[in-house]
C-alpha cells in the first residue's frame, strides 16, 4: 500500500475530534483506476477527477493533483518520464510531483491513496 506525502499531515488535527465517525468516512472510496491501467515508469491522468496516478516502479503507486501549479491547467499526459502540462510546458516528477521543468515553481500536491487488490483508491 502506498500513501502520498499528504498522509503525513493528516495526523496533525485541530484537536476537535469527538470520536464519532460519519457514514461518509466509513464508506469505501470509489476506485480511481485499476493498477493494470497505470504503466510502470509512467502514469494515467484522470481528468474528470483532477488526479494523476503514477507508478514510478512496479507496485509503487503515487497520486497527485492534476492541476498545474503554474496557472491551473489540467495536466495533459504522463510521458517521457514526467507529468506534463501542455499549457506552458511545465513538467513534474513521477515520484514526488516536483518541478522538473518550469515555468511552474511549485510541485503538484500529493493525494492520499490506497491500493486494494487491483484498485487504486483515494484514501
PDB file of N, CA and C in Angstrom:
ATOM      1  N   UNK A   1       0.849  -1.168   0.000  1.00  0.00           N
ATOM      2  CA  UNK A   1       0.000   0.000   0.000  1.00  0.00           C
ATOM      3  C   UNK A   1       0.893   1.229   0.000  1.00  0.00           C
ATOM      4  N   UNK A   2       0.558   2.221  -0.819  1.00  0.00           N
ATOM      5  CA  UNK A   2       1.354   3.440  -0.932  1.00  0.00           C
ATOM      6  C   UNK A   2       0.488   4.624  -0.566  1.00  0.00           C
ATOM      7  N   UNK A   3       0.958   5.449   0.360  1.00  0.00           N
ATOM      8  CA  UNK A   3       0.252   6.666   0.716  1.00  0.00           C
ATOM      9  C   UNK A   3       1.070   7.846   0.254  1.00  0.00           C
ATOM     10  N   UNK A   4       0.399   8.857  -0.276  1.00  0.00           N
ATOM     11  CA  UNK A   4       1.088  10.057  -0.709  1.00  0.00           C
ATOM     12  C   UNK A   4       1.603  10.839   0.480  1.00  0.00           C
ATOM     13  N   UNK A   5       2.461  11.817   0.218  1.00  0.00           N
ATOM     14  CA  UNK A   5       3.067  12.622   1.273  1.00  0.00           C
ATOM     15  C   UNK A   5       2.030  13.375   2.088  1.00  0.00           C
ATOM     16  N   UNK A   6       0.870  13.623   1.517  1.00  0.00           N
ATOM     17  CA  UNK A   6      -0.176  14.339   2.243  1.00  0.00           C
ATOM     18  C   UNK A   6      -0.651  13.552   3.452  1.00  0.00           C
ATOM     19  N   UNK A   7      -0.419  12.242   3.479  1.00  0.00           N
ATOM     20  CA  UNK A   7      -0.824  11.416   4.605  1.00  0.00           C
ATOM     21  C   UNK A   7      -0.129  11.863   5.882  1.00  0.00           C
ATOM     22  N   UNK A   8       1.072  12.388   5.775  1.00  0.00           N
ATOM     23  CA  UNK A   8       1.811  12.825   6.943  1.00  0.00           C
ATOM     24  C   UNK A   8       1.111  13.968   7.654  1.00  0.00           C
ATOM     25  N   UNK A   9       0.477  14.857   6.913  1.00  0.00           N
ATOM     26  CA  UNK A   9      -0.181  16.000   7.525  1.00  0.00           C
ATOM     27  C   UNK A   9      -1.535  15.644   8.100  1.00  0.00           C
ATOM     28  N   UNK A  10      -2.119  14.531   7.691  1.00  0.00           N
ATOM     29  CA  UNK A  10      -3.438  14.146   8.176  1.00  0.00           C
ATOM     30  C   UNK A  10      -3.410  13.840   9.668  1.00  0.00           C
ATOM     31  N   UNK A  11      -2.278  13.424  10.212  1.00  0.00           N
ATOM     32  CA  UNK A  11      -2.180  13.081  11.617  1.00  0.00           C
ATOM     33  C   UNK A  11      -2.209  14.310  12.510  1.00  0.00           C
ATOM     34  N   UNK A  12      -2.000  15.479  11.984  1.00  0.00           N
ATOM     35  CA  UNK A  12      -1.969  16.711  12.760  1.00  0.00           C
ATOM     36  C   UNK A  12      -3.333  17.368  12.712  1.00  0.00           C
ATOM     37  N   UNK A  13      -4.230  16.967  13.599  1.00  0.00           N
ATOM     38  CA  UNK A  13      -5.575  17.528  13.614  1.00  0.00           C
ATOM     39  C   UNK A  13      -5.629  18.760  14.481  1.00  0.00           C
ATOM     40  N   UNK A  14      -6.841  19.320  14.605  1.00  0.00           N
ATOM     41  CA  UNK A  14      -7.008  20.521  15.409  1.00  0.00           C
ATOM     42  C   UNK A  14      -7.477  20.205  16.821  1.00  0.00           C
ATOM     43  N   UNK A  15      -7.595  18.897  17.155  1.00  0.00           N
ATOM     44  CA  UNK A  15      -7.977  18.513  18.494  1.00  0.00           C
ATOM     45  C   UNK A  15      -9.467  18.518  18.734  1.00  0.00           C
ATOM     46  N   UNK A  16     -10.295  18.780  17.745  1.00  0.00           N
ATOM     47  CA  UNK A  16     -11.737  18.843  17.912  1.00  0.00           C
ATOM     48  C   UNK A  16     -12.428  17.523  17.631  1.00  0.00           C
ATOM     49  N   UNK A  17     -11.714  16.430  17.471  1.00  0.00           N
ATOM     50  CA  UNK A  17     -12.300  15.135  17.157  1.00  0.00           C
ATOM     51  C   UNK A  17     -13.065  14.627  18.361  1.00  0.00           C
ATOM     52  N   UNK A  18     -14.367  14.375  18.184  1.00  0.00           N
ATOM     53  CA  UNK A  18     -15.184  13.886  19.283  1.00  0.00           C
ATOM     54  C   UNK A  18     -15.288  12.368  19.300  1.00  0.00           C
ATOM     55  N   UNK A  19     -14.553  11.690  18.420  1.00  0.00           N
ATOM     56  CA  UNK A  19     -14.539  10.239  18.399  1.00  0.00           C
ATOM     57  C   UNK A  19     -15.621   9.629  17.545  1.00  0.00           C
ATOM     58  N   UNK A  20     -16.576  10.421  17.080  1.00  0.00           N
ATOM     59  CA  UNK A  20     -17.628   9.875  16.231  1.00  0.00           C
ATOM     60  C   UNK A  20     -17.143   9.818  14.797  1.00  0.00           C
ATOM     61  N   UNK A  21     -17.788   8.963  14.017  1.00  0.00           N
ATOM     62  CA  UNK A  21     -17.427   8.894  12.603  1.00  0.00           C
ATOM     63  C   UNK A  21     -18.687   9.040  11.778  1.00  0.00           C
ATOM     64  N   UNK A  22     -18.548   9.664  10.634  1.00  0.00           N
ATOM     65  CA  UNK A  22     -19.695   9.841   9.759  1.00  0.00           C
ATOM     66  C   UNK A  22     -19.819   8.652   8.829  1.00  0.00           C
ATOM     67  N   UNK A  23     -20.985   8.483   8.240  1.00  0.00           N
ATOM     68  CA  UNK A  23     -21.196   7.395   7.285  1.00  0.00           C
ATOM     69  C   UNK A  23     -20.288   7.561   6.081  1.00  0.00           C
ATOM     70  N   UNK A  24     -20.023   8.805   5.694  1.00  0.00           N
ATOM     71  CA  UNK A  24     -19.177   9.048   4.528  1.00  0.00           C
ATOM     72  C   UNK A  24     -17.757   8.562   4.765  1.00  0.00           C
ATOM     73  N   UNK A  25     -17.256   8.707   5.995  1.00  0.00           N
ATOM     74  CA  UNK A  25     -15.882   8.298   6.249  1.00  0.00           C
ATOM     75  C   UNK A  25     -15.742   6.790   6.345  1.00  0.00           C
ATOM     76  N   UNK A  26     -16.832   6.067   6.618  1.00  0.00           N
ATOM     77  CA  UNK A  26     -16.739   4.616   6.723  1.00  0.00           C
ATOM     78  C   UNK A  26     -17.056   3.915   5.405  1.00  0.00           C
ATOM     79  N   UNK A  27     -17.602   4.637   4.451  1.00  0.00           N
ATOM     80  CA  UNK A  27     -17.909   4.039   3.148  1.00  0.00           C
ATOM     81  C   UNK A  27     -16.620   3.854   2.356  1.00  0.00           C
ATOM     82  N   UNK A  28     -16.493   2.735   1.627  1.00  0.00           N
ATOM     83  CA  UNK A  28     -15.277   2.539   0.834  1.00  0.00           C
ATOM     84  C   UNK A  28     -15.185   3.579  -0.282  1.00  0.00           C
ATOM     85  N   UNK A  29     -13.979   4.049  -0.514  1.00  0.00           N
ATOM     86  CA  UNK A  29     -13.755   5.038  -1.570  1.00  0.00           C
ATOM     87  C   UNK A  29     -13.889   4.380  -2.937  1.00  0.00           C
ATOM     88  N   UNK A  30     -14.425   5.118  -3.882  1.00  0.00           N
ATOM     89  CA  UNK A  30     -14.564   4.621  -5.246  1.00  0.00           C
ATOM     90  C   UNK A  30     -13.192   4.498  -5.892  1.00  0.00           C
ATOM     91  N   UNK A  31     -13.003   3.424  -6.645  1.00  0.00           N
ATOM     92  CA  UNK A  31     -11.721   3.210  -7.322  1.00  0.00           C
ATOM     93  C   UNK A  31     -11.467   4.323  -8.329  1.00  0.00           C
ATOM     94  N   UNK A  32     -10.240   4.843  -8.315  1.00  0.00           N
ATOM     95  CA  UNK A  32      -9.818   5.829  -9.311  1.00  0.00           C
ATOM     96  C   UNK A  32      -9.471   5.140 -10.616  1.00  0.00           C
ATOM     97  N   UNK A  33      -8.680   4.066 -10.500  1.00  0.00           N
ATOM     98  CA  UNK A  33      -8.137   3.393 -11.674  1.00  0.00           C
ATOM     99  C   UNK A  33      -7.697   1.998 -11.249  1.00  0.00           C
ATOM    100  N   UNK A  34      -7.652   1.093 -12.185  1.00  0.00           N
ATOM    101  CA  UNK A  34      -7.124  -0.253 -11.942  1.00  0.00           C
ATOM    102  C   UNK A  34      -5.604  -0.200 -12.042  1.00  0.00           C
ATOM    103  N   UNK A  35      -4.932  -0.977 -11.216  1.00  0.00           N
ATOM    104  CA  UNK A  35      -3.467  -0.966 -11.212  1.00  0.00           C
ATOM    105  C   UNK A  35      -2.897  -1.305 -12.585  1.00  0.00           C
ATOM    106  N   UNK A  36      -3.544  -2.202 -13.306  1.00  0.00           N
ATOM    107  CA  UNK A  36      -3.063  -2.597 -14.628  1.00  0.00           C
ATOM    108  C   UNK A  36      -3.176  -1.513 -15.682  1.00  0.00           C
ATOM    109  N   UNK A  37      -3.942  -0.451 -15.378  1.00  0.00           N
ATOM    110  CA  UNK A  37      -4.102   0.659 -16.316  1.00  0.00           C
ATOM    111  C   UNK A  37      -3.082   1.780 -16.092  1.00  0.00           C
ATOM    112  N   UNK A  38      -2.187   1.588 -15.117  1.00  0.00           N
ATOM    113  CA  UNK A  38      -1.148   2.581 -14.826  1.00  0.00           C
ATOM    114  C   UNK A  38       0.192   1.964 -15.209  1.00  0.00           C
ATOM    115  N   UNK A  39       0.800   2.402 -16.308  1.00  0.00           N
ATOM    116  CA  UNK A  39       2.042   1.772 -16.766  1.00  0.00           C
ATOM    117  C   UNK A  39       3.214   2.005 -15.807  1.00  0.00           C
ATOM    118  N   UNK A  40       4.061   0.990 -15.667  1.00  0.00           N
ATOM    119  CA  UNK A  40       5.287   1.127 -14.883  1.00  0.00           C
ATOM    120  C   UNK A  40       6.177   2.167 -15.568  1.00  0.00           C
ATOM    121  N   UNK A  41       6.701   3.103 -14.776  1.00  0.00           N
ATOM    122  CA  UNK A  41       7.522   4.176 -15.330  1.00  0.00           C
ATOM    123  C   UNK A  41       6.696   5.266 -15.981  1.00  0.00           C
ATOM    124  N   UNK A  42       5.407   5.262 -15.729  1.00  0.00           N
ATOM    125  CA  UNK A  42       4.504   6.240 -16.335  1.00  0.00           C
ATOM    126  C   UNK A  42       3.346   6.548 -15.408  1.00  0.00           C
ATOM    127  N   UNK A  43       2.209   6.864 -15.993  1.00  0.00           N
ATOM    128  CA  UNK A  43       1.045   7.198 -15.197  1.00  0.00           C
ATOM    129  C   UNK A  43      -0.176   7.431 -16.052  1.00  0.00           C
ATOM    130  N   UNK A  44      -1.264   7.763 -15.377  1.00  0.00           N
ATOM    131  CA  UNK A  44      -2.549   7.986 -16.018  1.00  0.00           C
ATOM    132  C   UNK A  44      -3.171   9.260 -15.461  1.00  0.00           C
ATOM    133  N   UNK A  45      -3.579  10.170 -16.335  1.00  0.00           N
ATOM    134  CA  UNK A  45      -4.266  11.393 -15.927  1.00  0.00           C
ATOM    135  C   UNK A  45      -5.761  11.108 -15.927  1.00  0.00           C
ATOM    136  N   UNK A  46      -6.401  11.342 -14.787  1.00  0.00           N
ATOM    137  CA  UNK A  46      -7.847  11.169 -14.654  1.00  0.00           C
ATOM    138  C   UNK A  46      -8.464  12.565 -14.632  1.00  0.00           C
ATOM    139  N   UNK A  47      -8.684  13.100 -15.827  1.00  0.00           N
ATOM    140  CA  UNK A  47      -9.113  14.495 -15.981  1.00  0.00           C
ATOM    141  C   UNK A  47     -10.386  14.806 -15.199  1.00  0.00           C
ATOM    142  N   UNK A  48     -11.362  13.906 -15.243  1.00  0.00           N
ATOM    143  CA  UNK A  48     -12.641  14.169 -14.581  1.00  0.00           C
ATOM    144  C   UNK A  48     -12.495  14.225 -13.062  1.00  0.00           C
ATOM    145  N   UNK A  49     -11.508  13.530 -12.503  1.00  0.00           N
ATOM    146  CA  UNK A  49     -11.261  13.538 -11.056  1.00  0.00           C
ATOM    147  C   UNK A  49     -10.158  14.528 -10.671  1.00  0.00           C
ATOM    148  N   UNK A  50      -9.487  15.092 -11.692  1.00  0.00           N
ATOM    149  CA  UNK A  50      -8.383  16.040 -11.492  1.00  0.00           C
ATOM    150  C   UNK A  50      -7.276  15.434 -10.627  1.00  0.00           C
ATOM    151  N   UNK A  51      -6.965  14.164 -10.952  1.00  0.00           N
ATOM    152  CA  UNK A  51      -5.919  13.416 -10.251  1.00  0.00           C
ATOM    153  C   UNK A  51      -5.056  12.731 -11.297  1.00  0.00           C
ATOM    154  N   UNK A  52      -3.756  12.637 -11.023  1.00  0.00           N
ATOM    155  CA  UNK A  52      -2.856  11.844 -11.857  1.00  0.00           C
ATOM    156  C   UNK A  52      -2.258  10.761 -10.963  1.00  0.00           C
ATOM    157  N   UNK A  53      -2.332   9.510 -11.422  1.00  0.00           N
ATOM    158  CA  UNK A  53      -1.772   8.372 -10.688  1.00  0.00           C
ATOM    159  C   UNK A  53      -0.547   7.892 -11.450  1.00  0.00           C
ATOM    160  N   UNK A  54       0.571   7.741 -10.736  1.00  0.00           N
ATOM    161  CA  UNK A  54       1.808   7.282 -11.363  1.00  0.00           C
ATOM    162  C   UNK A  54       2.259   5.969 -10.731  1.00  0.00           C
ATOM    163  N   UNK A  55       3.133   5.270 -11.459  1.00  0.00           N
ATOM    164  CA  UNK A  55       3.757   4.048 -10.965  1.00  0.00           C
ATOM    165  C   UNK A  55       5.244   4.109 -11.355  1.00  0.00           C
ATOM    166  N   UNK A  56       6.047   4.856 -10.572  1.00  0.00           N
ATOM    167  CA  UNK A  56       7.458   5.020 -10.927  1.00  0.00           C
ATOM    168  C   UNK A  56       8.206   3.691 -11.041  1.00  0.00           C
ATOM    169  N   UNK A  57       7.901   2.751 -10.149  1.00  0.00           N
ATOM    170  CA  UNK A  57       8.468   1.404 -10.176  1.00  0.00           C
ATOM    171  C   UNK A  57       7.326   0.423  -9.964  1.00  0.00           C
ATOM    172  N   UNK A  58       7.499  -0.798 -10.412  1.00  0.00           N
ATOM    173  CA  UNK A  58       6.423  -1.782 -10.317  1.00  0.00           C
ATOM    174  C   UNK A  58       5.904  -1.898  -8.883  1.00  0.00           C
ATOM    175  N   UNK A  59       4.591  -1.714  -8.731  1.00  0.00           N
ATOM    176  CA  UNK A  59       3.933  -1.831  -7.436  1.00  0.00           C
ATOM    177  C   UNK A  59       3.990  -0.592  -6.567  1.00  0.00           C
ATOM    178  N   UNK A  60       4.648   0.464  -7.003  1.00  0.00           N
ATOM    179  CA  UNK A  60       4.792   1.712  -6.247  1.00  0.00           C
ATOM    180  C   UNK A  60       3.891   2.769  -6.881  1.00  0.00           C
ATOM    181  N   UNK A  61       2.692   2.933  -6.315  1.00  0.00           N
ATOM    182  CA  UNK A  61       1.712   3.863  -6.870  1.00  0.00           C
ATOM    183  C   UNK A  61       1.723   5.157  -6.078  1.00  0.00           C
ATOM    184  N   UNK A  62       1.643   6.268  -6.806  1.00  0.00           N
ATOM    185  CA  UNK A  62       1.606   7.601  -6.213  1.00  0.00           C
ATOM    186  C   UNK A  62       0.481   8.381  -6.891  1.00  0.00           C
ATOM    187  N   UNK A  63      -0.027   9.400  -6.216  1.00  0.00           N
ATOM    188  CA  UNK A  63      -1.069  10.229  -6.825  1.00  0.00           C
ATOM    189  C   UNK A  63      -0.835  11.689  -6.467  1.00  0.00           C
ATOM    190  N   UNK A  64      -1.195  12.536  -7.408  1.00  0.00           N
ATOM    191  CA  UNK A  64      -1.003  13.978  -7.266  1.00  0.00           C
ATOM    192  C   UNK A  64      -2.203  14.699  -7.859  1.00  0.00           C
ATOM    193  N   UNK A  65      -2.381  15.942  -7.435  1.00  0.00           N
ATOM    194  CA  UNK A  65      -3.362  16.790  -8.099  1.00  0.00           C
ATOM    195  C   UNK A  65      -2.963  16.909  -9.562  1.00  0.00           C
ATOM    196  N   UNK A  66      -3.943  16.882 -10.450  1.00  0.00           N
ATOM    197  CA  UNK A  66      -3.669  17.048 -11.881  1.00  0.00           C
ATOM    198  C   UNK A  66      -3.763  18.510 -12.304  1.00  0.00           C
ATOM    199  N   UNK A  67      -3.861  19.415 -11.336  1.00  0.00           N
ATOM    200  CA  UNK A  67      -3.944  20.844 -11.629  1.00  0.00           C
ATOM    201  C   UNK A  67      -2.540  21.440 -11.572  1.00  0.00           C
ATOM    202  N   UNK A  68      -2.055  21.915 -12.706  1.00  0.00           N
ATOM    203  CA  UNK A  68      -0.716  22.502 -12.780  1.00  0.00           C
ATOM    204  C   UNK A  68      -0.623  23.693 -11.833  1.00  0.00           C
ATOM    205  N   UNK A  69       0.466  23.759 -11.093  1.00  0.00           N
ATOM    206  CA  UNK A  69       0.656  24.833 -10.120  1.00  0.00           C
ATOM    207  C   UNK A  69       1.068  26.158 -10.760  1.00  0.00           C
ATOM    208  N   UNK A  70       1.283  26.176 -12.066  1.00  0.00           N
ATOM    209  CA  UNK A  70       1.652  27.418 -12.749  1.00  0.00           C
ATOM    210  C   UNK A  70       0.432  28.307 -12.948  1.00  0.00           C
ATOM    211  N   UNK A  71      -0.552  27.835 -13.739  1.00  0.00           N
ATOM    212  CA  UNK A  71      -1.738  28.658 -13.986  1.00  0.00           C
ATOM    213  C   UNK A  71      -3.035  27.870 -13.938  1.00  0.00           C
ATOM    214  N   UNK A  72      -3.026  26.690 -13.331  1.00  0.00           N
ATOM    215  CA  UNK A  72      -4.266  25.973 -13.074  1.00  0.00           C
ATOM    216  C   UNK A  72      -4.806  25.106 -14.189  1.00  0.00           C
ATOM    217  N   UNK A  73      -4.047  24.863 -15.232  1.00  0.00           N
ATOM    218  CA  UNK A  73      -4.489  23.946 -16.291  1.00  0.00           C
ATOM    219  C   UNK A  73      -4.448  22.515 -15.767  1.00  0.00           C
ATOM    220  N   UNK A  74      -5.307  21.655 -16.301  1.00  0.00           N
ATOM    221  CA  UNK A  74      -5.217  20.230 -16.002  1.00  0.00           C
ATOM    222  C   UNK A  74      -4.058  19.674 -16.818  1.00  0.00           C
ATOM    223  N   UNK A  75      -3.171  18.909 -16.161  1.00  0.00           N
ATOM    224  CA  UNK A  75      -2.030  18.353 -16.888  1.00  0.00           C
ATOM    225  C   UNK A  75      -2.529  17.480 -18.034  1.00  0.00           C
ATOM    226  N   UNK A  76      -1.735  17.405 -19.086  1.00  0.00           N
ATOM    227  CA  UNK A  76      -2.173  16.745 -20.318  1.00  0.00           C
ATOM    228  C   UNK A  76      -1.904  15.249 -20.337  1.00  0.00           C
ATOM    229  N   UNK A  77      -0.700  14.847 -19.894  1.00  0.00           N
ATOM    230  CA  UNK A  77      -0.339  13.436 -20.010  1.00  0.00           C
ATOM    231  C   UNK A  77       0.857  13.110 -19.136  1.00  0.00           C
ATOM    232  N   UNK A  78       1.180  11.814 -19.131  1.00  0.00           N
ATOM    233  CA  UNK A  78       2.394  11.324 -18.492  1.00  0.00           C
ATOM    234  C   UNK A  78       3.180  10.628 -19.588  1.00  0.00           C
ATOM    235  N   UNK A  79       4.324  11.215 -19.952  1.00  0.00           N
ATOM    236  CA  UNK A  79       5.167  10.628 -20.992  1.00  0.00           C
ATOM    237  C   UNK A  79       6.592  11.119 -20.806  1.00  0.00           C
ATOM    238  N   UNK A  80       7.532  10.378 -21.352  1.00  0.00           N
ATOM    239  CA  UNK A  80       8.930  10.768 -21.240  1.00  0.00           C
ATOM    240  C   UNK A  80       9.430  10.812 -19.806  1.00  0.00           C
ATOM    241  N   UNK A  81       8.768  10.078 -18.913  1.00  0.00           N
ATOM    242  CA  UNK A  81       9.191  10.031 -17.516  1.00  0.00           C
ATOM    243  C   UNK A  81       8.731  11.191 -16.665  1.00  0.00           C
ATOM    244  N   UNK A  82       7.816  12.034 -17.181  1.00  0.00           N
ATOM    245  CA  UNK A  82       7.309  13.163 -16.404  1.00  0.00           C
ATOM    246  C   UNK A  82       5.802  13.334 -16.611  1.00  0.00           C
ATOM    247  N   UNK A  83       5.200  14.063 -15.677  1.00  0.00           N
ATOM    248  CA  UNK A  83       3.807  14.501 -15.777  1.00  0.00           C
ATOM    249  C   UNK A  83       3.869  15.847 -16.483  1.00  0.00           C
ATOM    250  N   UNK A  84       3.146  15.990 -17.590  1.00  0.00           N
ATOM    251  CA  UNK A  84       3.337  17.145 -18.466  1.00  0.00           C
ATOM    252  C   UNK A  84       2.096  18.021 -18.590  1.00  0.00           C
ATOM    253  N   UNK A  85       2.310  19.321 -18.498  1.00  0.00           N
ATOM    254  CA  UNK A  85       1.251  20.298 -18.716  1.00  0.00           C
ATOM    255  C   UNK A  85       1.465  20.929 -20.087  1.00  0.00           C
ATOM    256  N   UNK A  86       0.469  20.846 -20.924  1.00  0.00           N
ATOM    257  CA  UNK A  86       0.580  21.367 -22.287  1.00  0.00           C
ATOM    258  C   UNK A  86       0.379  22.884 -22.363  1.00  0.00           C
ATOM    259  N   UNK A  87      -0.191  23.494 -21.329  1.00  0.00           N
ATOM    260  CA  UNK A  87      -0.470  24.929 -21.407  1.00  0.00           C
ATOM    261  C   UNK A  87       0.801  25.759 -21.566  1.00  0.00           C
ATOM    262  N   UNK A  88       1.816  25.482 -20.735  1.00  0.00           N
ATOM    263  CA  UNK A  88       3.052  26.262 -20.796  1.00  0.00           C
ATOM    264  C   UNK A  88       4.284  25.379 -20.680  1.00  0.00           C
ATOM    265  N   UNK A  89       4.120  24.072 -20.896  1.00  0.00           N
ATOM    266  CA  UNK A  89       5.227  23.116 -20.987  1.00  0.00           C
ATOM    267  C   UNK A  89       5.916  22.802 -19.665  1.00  0.00           C
ATOM    268  N   UNK A  90       5.231  22.973 -18.533  1.00  0.00           N
ATOM    269  CA  UNK A  90       5.810  22.542 -17.263  1.00  0.00           C
ATOM    270  C   UNK A  90       5.806  21.021 -17.206  1.00  0.00           C
ATOM    271  N   UNK A  91       6.750  20.455 -16.442  1.00  0.00           N
ATOM    272  CA  UNK A  91       6.838  19.007 -16.264  1.00  0.00           C
ATOM    273  C   UNK A  91       7.151  18.711 -14.803  1.00  0.00           C
ATOM    274  N   UNK A  92       6.586  17.616 -14.310  1.00  0.00           N
ATOM    275  CA  UNK A  92       6.695  17.254 -12.900  1.00  0.00           C
ATOM    276  C   UNK A  92       7.161  15.808 -12.761  1.00  0.00           C
ATOM    277  N   UNK A  93       7.867  15.512 -11.656  1.00  0.00           N
ATOM    278  CA  UNK A  93       8.416  14.180 -11.398  1.00  0.00           C
ATOM    279  C   UNK A  93       7.318  13.173 -11.058  1.00  0.00           C
ATOM    280  N   UNK A  94       7.496  11.942 -11.539  1.00  0.00           N
ATOM    281  CA  UNK A  94       6.562  10.854 -11.252  1.00  0.00           C
ATOM    282  C   UNK A  94       6.572  10.466  -9.781  1.00  0.00           C
ATOM    283  N   UNK A  95       7.716  10.613  -9.121  1.00  0.00           N
ATOM    284  CA  UNK A  95       7.876  10.112  -7.761  1.00  0.00           C
ATOM    285  C   UNK A  95       7.320  11.022  -6.682  1.00  0.00           C
ATOM    286  N   UNK A  96       7.446  12.342  -6.869  1.00  0.00           N
ATOM    287  CA  UNK A  96       7.024  13.256  -5.809  1.00  0.00           C
ATOM    288  C   UNK A  96       6.333  14.523  -6.309  1.00  0.00           C
ATOM    289  N   UNK A  97       6.067  14.619  -7.595  1.00  0.00           N
ATOM    290  CA  UNK A  97       5.395  15.789  -8.150  1.00  0.00           C
ATOM    291  C   UNK A  97       6.267  17.025  -8.242  1.00  0.00           C
ATOM    292  N   UNK A  98       7.567  16.890  -7.965  1.00  0.00           N
ATOM    293  CA  UNK A  98       8.483  18.041  -8.003  1.00  0.00           C
ATOM    294  C   UNK A  98       8.591  18.596  -9.419  1.00  0.00           C
ATOM    295  N   UNK A  99       8.854  19.887  -9.500  1.00  0.00           N
ATOM    296  CA  UNK A  99       9.017  20.539 -10.798  1.00  0.00           C
ATOM    297  C   UNK A  99      10.296  20.028 -11.461  1.00  0.00           C
ATOM    298  N   UNK A 100      10.158  19.493 -12.651  1.00  0.00           N
ATOM    299  CA  UNK A 100      11.301  19.064 -13.463  1.00  0.00           C
ATOM    300  C   UNK A 100      11.641  20.136 -14.500  1.00  0.00           C
ATOM    301  N   UNK A 101      10.605  20.859 -14.953  1.00  0.00           N
ATOM    302  CA  UNK A 101      10.789  21.912 -15.954  1.00  0.00           C
ATOM    303  C   UNK A 101       9.686  22.946 -15.740  1.00  0.00           C
ATOM    304  N   UNK A 102      10.067  24.220 -15.679  1.00  0.00           N
ATOM    305  CA  UNK A 102       9.118  25.314 -15.477  1.00  0.00           C
ATOM    306  C   UNK A 102       8.444  25.723 -16.758  1.00  0.00           C
ATOM    307  N   UNK A 103       7.578  26.693 -16.610  1.00  0.00           N
ATOM    308  CA  UNK A 103       7.590  27.805 -15.686  1.00  0.00           C
ATOM    309  C   UNK A 103       7.002  27.540 -14.294  1.00  0.00           C
ATOM    310  N   UNK A 104       6.336  26.423 -14.047  1.00  0.00           N
ATOM    311  CA  UNK A 104       5.834  26.150 -12.701  1.00  0.00           C
ATOM    312  C   UNK A 104       7.004  26.174 -11.723  1.00  0.00           C
ATOM    313  N   UNK A 105       6.747  26.679 -10.504  1.00  0.00           N
ATOM    314  CA  UNK A 105       7.788  26.719  -9.479  1.00  0.00           C
ATOM    315  C   UNK A 105       7.432  25.873  -8.261  1.00  0.00           C
ATOM    316  N   UNK A 106       6.182  25.438  -8.160  1.00  0.00           N
ATOM    317  CA  UNK A 106       5.736  24.627  -7.021  1.00  0.00           C
ATOM    318  C   UNK A 106       5.376  23.225  -7.503  1.00  0.00           C
ATOM    319  N   UNK A 107       5.605  22.212  -6.665  1.00  0.00           N
ATOM    320  CA  UNK A 107       5.282  20.837  -7.051  1.00  0.00           C
ATOM    321  C   UNK A 107       3.777  20.604  -7.101  1.00  0.00           C
ATOM    322  N   UNK A 108       3.383  19.512  -7.750  1.00  0.00           N
ATOM    323  CA  UNK A 108       1.987  19.089  -7.700  1.00  0.00           C
ATOM    324  C   UNK A 108       1.709  18.552  -6.300  1.00  0.00           C
ATOM    325  N   UNK A 109       0.620  18.966  -5.657  1.00  0.00           N
ATOM    326  CA  UNK A 109       0.305  18.445  -4.327  1.00  0.00           C
ATOM    327  C   UNK A 109       0.001  16.947  -4.380  1.00  0.00           C
ATOM    328  N   UNK A 110       0.507  16.219  -3.386  1.00  0.00           N
ATOM    329  CA  UNK A 110       0.252  14.781  -3.294  1.00  0.00           C
ATOM    330  C   UNK A 110      -1.188  14.528  -2.864  1.00  0.00           C
ATOM    331  N   UNK A 111      -1.754  13.437  -3.349  1.00  0.00           N
ATOM    332  CA  UNK A 111      -3.071  12.960  -2.938  1.00  0.00           C
ATOM    333  C   UNK A 111      -2.869  11.669  -2.159  1.00  0.00           C
ATOM    334  N   UNK A 112      -3.641  11.458  -1.115  1.00  0.00           N
ATOM    335  CA  UNK A 112      -3.562  10.216  -0.341  1.00  0.00           C
ATOM    336  C   UNK A 112      -4.316   9.122  -1.082  1.00  0.00           C
ATOM    337  N   UNK A 113      -3.665   7.981  -1.255  1.00  0.00           N
ATOM    338  CA  UNK A 113      -4.296   6.849  -1.928  1.00  0.00           C
ATOM    339  C   UNK A 113      -4.034   5.565  -1.162  1.00  0.00           C
ATOM    340  N   UNK A 114      -4.836   4.555  -1.479  1.00  0.00           N
ATOM    341  CA  UNK A 114      -4.596   3.190  -1.030  1.00  0.00           C
ATOM    342  C   UNK A 114      -4.700   2.295  -2.250  1.00  0.00           C
ATOM    343  N   UNK A 115      -4.023   1.166  -2.183  1.00  0.00           N
ATOM    344  CA  UNK A 115      -4.132   0.157  -3.233  1.00  0.00           C
ATOM    345  C   UNK A 115      -4.736  -1.072  -2.580  1.00  0.00           C
ATOM    346  N   UNK A 116      -5.909  -1.470  -3.073  1.00  0.00           N
ATOM    347  CA  UNK A 116      -6.624  -2.629  -2.550  1.00  0.00           C
ATOM    348  C   UNK A 116      -6.855  -3.584  -3.700  1.00  0.00           C
ATOM    349  N   UNK A 117      -6.129  -4.698  -3.690  1.00  0.00           N
ATOM    350  CA  UNK A 117      -6.221  -5.630  -4.808  1.00  0.00           C
ATOM    351  C   UNK A 117      -5.707  -4.957  -6.058  1.00  0.00           C
ATOM    352  N   UNK A 118      -6.576  -4.868  -7.075  1.00  0.00           N
ATOM    353  CA  UNK A 118      -6.153  -4.210  -8.317  1.00  0.00           C
ATOM    354  C   UNK A 118      -6.750  -2.815  -8.462  1.00  0.00           C
ATOM    355  N   UNK A 119      -7.223  -2.230  -7.354  1.00  0.00           N
ATOM    356  CA  UNK A 119      -7.850  -0.909  -7.399  1.00  0.00           C
ATOM    357  C   UNK A 119      -7.022   0.124  -6.647  1.00  0.00           C
ATOM    358  N   UNK A 120      -6.813   1.271  -7.281  1.00  0.00           N
ATOM    359  CA  UNK A 120      -6.196   2.423  -6.628  1.00  0.00           C
ATOM    360  C   UNK A 120      -7.346   3.335  -6.219  1.00  0.00           C
ATOM    361  N   UNK A 121      -7.394   3.672  -4.923  1.00  0.00           N
ATOM    362  CA  UNK A 121      -8.488   4.488  -4.384  1.00  0.00           C
ATOM    363  C   UNK A 121      -7.932   5.702  -3.655  1.00  0.00           C
ATOM    364  N   UNK A 122      -8.704   6.793  -3.652  1.00  0.00           N
ATOM    365  CA  UNK A 122      -8.365   7.920  -2.789  1.00  0.00           C
ATOM    366  C   UNK A 122      -8.576   7.467  -1.357  1.00  0.00           C
ATOM    367  N   UNK A 123      -7.682   7.854  -0.461  1.00  0.00           N
ATOM    368  CA  UNK A 123      -7.778   7.448   0.950  1.00  0.00           C
ATOM    369  C   UNK A 123      -8.760   8.348   1.687  1.00  0.00           C
TER     370      UNK A 123
END
